Amino acid sequence: MRLPRSAAGWTIAVFGVLALLMGAVGLLWPEALLRLLGFEVPATRAAGDHTGTFLTASSMASFNMGVYYLLAAATEWRPFYRFTVVFRLVTFTVFGIAVLGDVAPGRFLGVAAWEGLGAVATAVGLWWDDRRAGRAPGEGGSVLSAGAAPAPDAVH
């Protein structure tokens, strides 16, 4: 596995490792993950309670997402970095609304904050990398640009 070669790549790698680890925890020790997120863990589950099924699916998705992020960091896939900024901000918004609407416990706001801060960190990393490379905003390196062409440091 290659180490990231840019500031933005490091933000993606850190998120990838944490997503992979949290997914593994959810698969191997689901009660710990539920407690960490502020959810109650009853001694027994009622008939029709599919919390375990949902947690398994969410944990597997988190594990897989961690692998995707690590692959993107290893290959310096900058269009993916830009994509994550936008959708992590969407995730921040949805999770924040879930807490404010009493759909999720207050501690879940930490997950929303993690997503929002991660998006901002990656955006700043992209800006910093562009600045160091001497690219002006909008020259294929801005956070919201389509980025059809790979960055000069991309691995092919």
Protein backbone atom coordinates (compact mmCIF):
# COMPACT_ATOMS: atom_id res chain seq x y z
CA MET A 1 0.00 0.00 0.00
CA ARG A 2 1.37 3.38 -0.99
CA LEU A 3 1.31 6.30 1.41
CA PRO A 4 -0.60 9.39 0.30
CA ARG A 5 1.43 11.99 -1.56
CA SER A 6 -0.71 15.03 -0.82
CA ALA A 7 -2.44 16.78 2.06
CA ALA A 8 -5.85 15.89 0.64
CA GLY A 9 -4.71 12.30 0.24
CA TRP A 10 -3.85 12.11 3.92
CA THR A 11 -7.33 13.32 4.92
CA ILE A 12 -8.85 10.61 2.71
CA ALA A 13 -6.50 7.96 4.12
CA VAL A 14 -7.30 8.86 7.73
CA PHE A 15 -11.03 8.67 7.04
CA GLY A 16 -10.53 5.39 5.20
CA VAL A 17 -8.67 3.78 8.10
CA LEU A 18 -11.29 4.94 10.60
CA ALA A 19 -14.21 3.81 8.41
CA LEU A 20 -12.57 0.42 7.97
CA LEU A 21 -11.91 0.07 11.71
CA MET A 22 -15.40 1.19 12.74
CA GLY A 23 -16.89 -1.23 10.22
CA ALA A 24 -14.80 -4.05 11.67
CA VAL A 25 -15.87 -3.13 15.22
CA GLY A 26 -19.52 -3.14 14.14
CA LEU A 27 -19.13 -6.57 12.56
CA LEU A 28 -17.14 -8.13 15.42
CA TRP A 29 -18.54 -6.29 18.47
CA PRO A 30 -21.80 -4.58 17.52
CA GLU A 31 -22.76 -3.68 21.09
CA ALA A 32 -19.61 -1.59 21.46
CA LEU A 33 -20.40 0.36 18.31
CA LEU A 34 -23.99 0.99 19.42
CA ARG A 35 -22.79 2.28 22.79
CA LEU A 36 -20.14 4.46 21.14
CA LEU A 37 -22.83 6.07 19.00
CA GLY A 38 -25.09 6.67 22.00
CA PHE A 39 -27.69 4.00 21.33
CA GLU A 40 -29.13 1.80 24.06
CA VAL A 41 -28.20 -1.88 24.08
CA PRO A 42 -31.05 -3.83 25.68
CA ALA A 43 -30.38 -7.25 27.20
CA THR A 44 -32.84 -8.82 24.75
CA ARG A 45 -34.39 -7.74 21.48
CA ALA A 46 -38.10 -7.88 20.77
CA ALA A 47 -39.45 -10.01 17.95
CA GLY A 48 -39.23 -8.06 14.72
CA ASP A 49 -36.31 -5.92 15.94
CA HIS A 50 -33.87 -5.87 13.06
CA THR A 51 -31.21 -3.71 14.72
CA GLY A 52 -28.61 -6.47 14.31
CA THR A 53 -29.37 -6.87 10.62
CA PHE A 54 -29.18 -3.14 9.99
CA LEU A 55 -25.98 -2.81 12.02
CA THR A 56 -24.37 -5.66 10.07
CA ALA A 57 -25.28 -4.00 6.77
CA SER A 58 -24.08 -0.57 7.93
CA SER A 59 -20.85 -1.97 9.34
CA MET A 60 -20.11 -3.87 6.14
CA ALA A 61 -20.78 -0.70 4.14
CA SER A 62 -18.41 1.23 6.43
CA PHE A 63 -15.74 -1.44 6.07
CA ASN A 64 -16.06 -1.41 2.27
CA MET A 65 -16.06 2.39 2.18
CA GLY A 66 -12.83 2.37 4.17
CA VAL A 67 -11.26 0.16 1.52
CA TYR A 68 -12.48 2.49 -1.26
CA TYR A 69 -11.04 5.53 0.50
CA LEU A 70 -7.70 3.82 1.06
CA LEU A 71 -7.56 2.80 -2.59
CA ALA A 72 -8.31 6.39 -3.62
CA ALA A 73 -5.56 7.67 -1.30
CA ALA A 74 -3.04 5.13 -2.60
CA THR A 75 -3.74 6.09 -6.22
CA GLU A 76 -4.12 9.83 -5.53
CA TRP A 77 -7.54 9.81 -7.20
CA ARG A 78 -8.30 13.52 -6.85
CA PRO A 79 -11.72 13.51 -8.56
CA PHE A 80 -12.82 11.09 -5.83
CA TYR A 81 -11.48 13.49 -3.18
CA ARG A 82 -13.60 16.31 -4.62
CA PHE A 83 -16.64 14.03 -4.78
CA THR A 84 -16.27 13.14 -1.11
CA VAL A 85 -16.21 16.79 -0.04
CA VAL A 86 -19.67 17.38 -1.48
CA PHE A 87 -21.24 14.15 -0.25
CA ARG A 88 -19.68 14.29 3.21
CA LEU A 89 -21.29 17.72 3.56
CA VAL A 90 -24.60 16.15 2.53
CA THR A 91 -24.03 13.42 5.14
CA PHE A 92 -23.26 16.06 7.78
CA THR A 93 -26.56 17.78 6.96
CA VAL A 94 -28.66 14.60 7.03
CA PHE A 95 -27.12 13.34 10.28
CA GLY A 96 -27.47 16.77 11.90
CA ILE A 97 -31.13 16.91 10.93
CA ALA A 98 -31.62 13.39 12.33
CA VAL A 99 -30.35 14.56 15.73
CA LEU A 100 -32.30 17.83 15.67
CA GLY A 101 -35.45 15.92 14.66
CA ASP A 102 -35.05 13.44 17.55
CA VAL A 103 -34.54 10.56 15.12
CA ALA A 104 -31.04 9.91 16.50
CA PRO A 105 -29.53 10.47 19.97
CA GLY A 106 -27.55 13.62 20.70
CA ARG A 107 -24.22 11.76 20.71
CA PHE A 108 -24.84 10.99 17.04
CA LEU A 109 -24.08 14.66 16.42
CA GLY A 110 -20.45 13.61 16.79
CA VAL A 111 -20.82 11.52 13.63
CA ALA A 112 -22.28 14.53 11.82
CA ALA A 113 -19.41 16.72 13.06
CA TRP A 114 -16.86 14.12 11.95
CA GLU A 115 -18.34 14.12 8.45
CA GLY A 116 -18.46 17.92 8.25
CA LEU A 117 -14.95 18.43 9.60
CA GLY A 118 -13.64 15.69 7.31
CA ALA A 119 -15.19 17.40 4.30
CA VAL A 120 -13.67 20.73 5.29
CA ALA A 121 -10.27 19.12 5.95
CA THR A 122 -10.26 17.48 2.51
CA ALA A 123 -11.37 20.74 0.85
CA VAL A 124 -8.55 22.60 2.61
CA GLY A 125 -6.13 19.84 1.61
CA LEU A 126 -7.20 20.12 -2.03
CA TRP A 127 -6.78 23.90 -1.89
CA TRP A 128 -3.36 23.55 -0.24
CA ASP A 129 -2.19 20.97 -2.79
CA ASP A 130 -3.33 23.19 -5.68
CA ARG A 131 -1.56 26.16 -4.15
CA ARG A 132 1.68 24.20 -3.73
CA ALA A 133 1.43 22.96 -7.34
CA GLY A 134 0.93 26.52 -8.59
CA ARG A 135 -2.56 25.85 -9.95
CA ALA A 136 -5.11 28.62 -9.77
CA PRO A 137 -8.59 27.80 -8.47
CA GLY A 138 -10.67 26.45 -11.33
CA GLU A 139 -7.72 24.93 -13.22
CA GLY A 140 -9.08 21.42 -12.81
CA GLY A 141 -8.17 21.29 -9.16
CA SER A 142 -10.91 23.15 -7.36
CA VAL A 143 -13.08 21.23 -4.95
CA LEU A 144 -16.21 21.38 -7.10
CA SER A 145 -14.68 21.10 -10.57
CA ALA A 146 -15.50 18.06 -12.64
CA GLY A 147 -11.86 17.01 -12.84
CA ALA A 148 -12.16 14.96 -16.03
CA ALA A 149 -8.40 14.81 -16.46
CA PRO A 150 -6.33 13.16 -13.72
CA ALA A 151 -4.01 15.29 -11.66
CA PRO A 152 -0.34 15.24 -12.77
CA ASP A 153 0.59 13.14 -9.71
CA ALA A 154 -2.11 10.51 -10.31
CA VAL A 155 -1.04 6.90 -10.63
CA HIS A 156 -2.15 5.19 -13.82
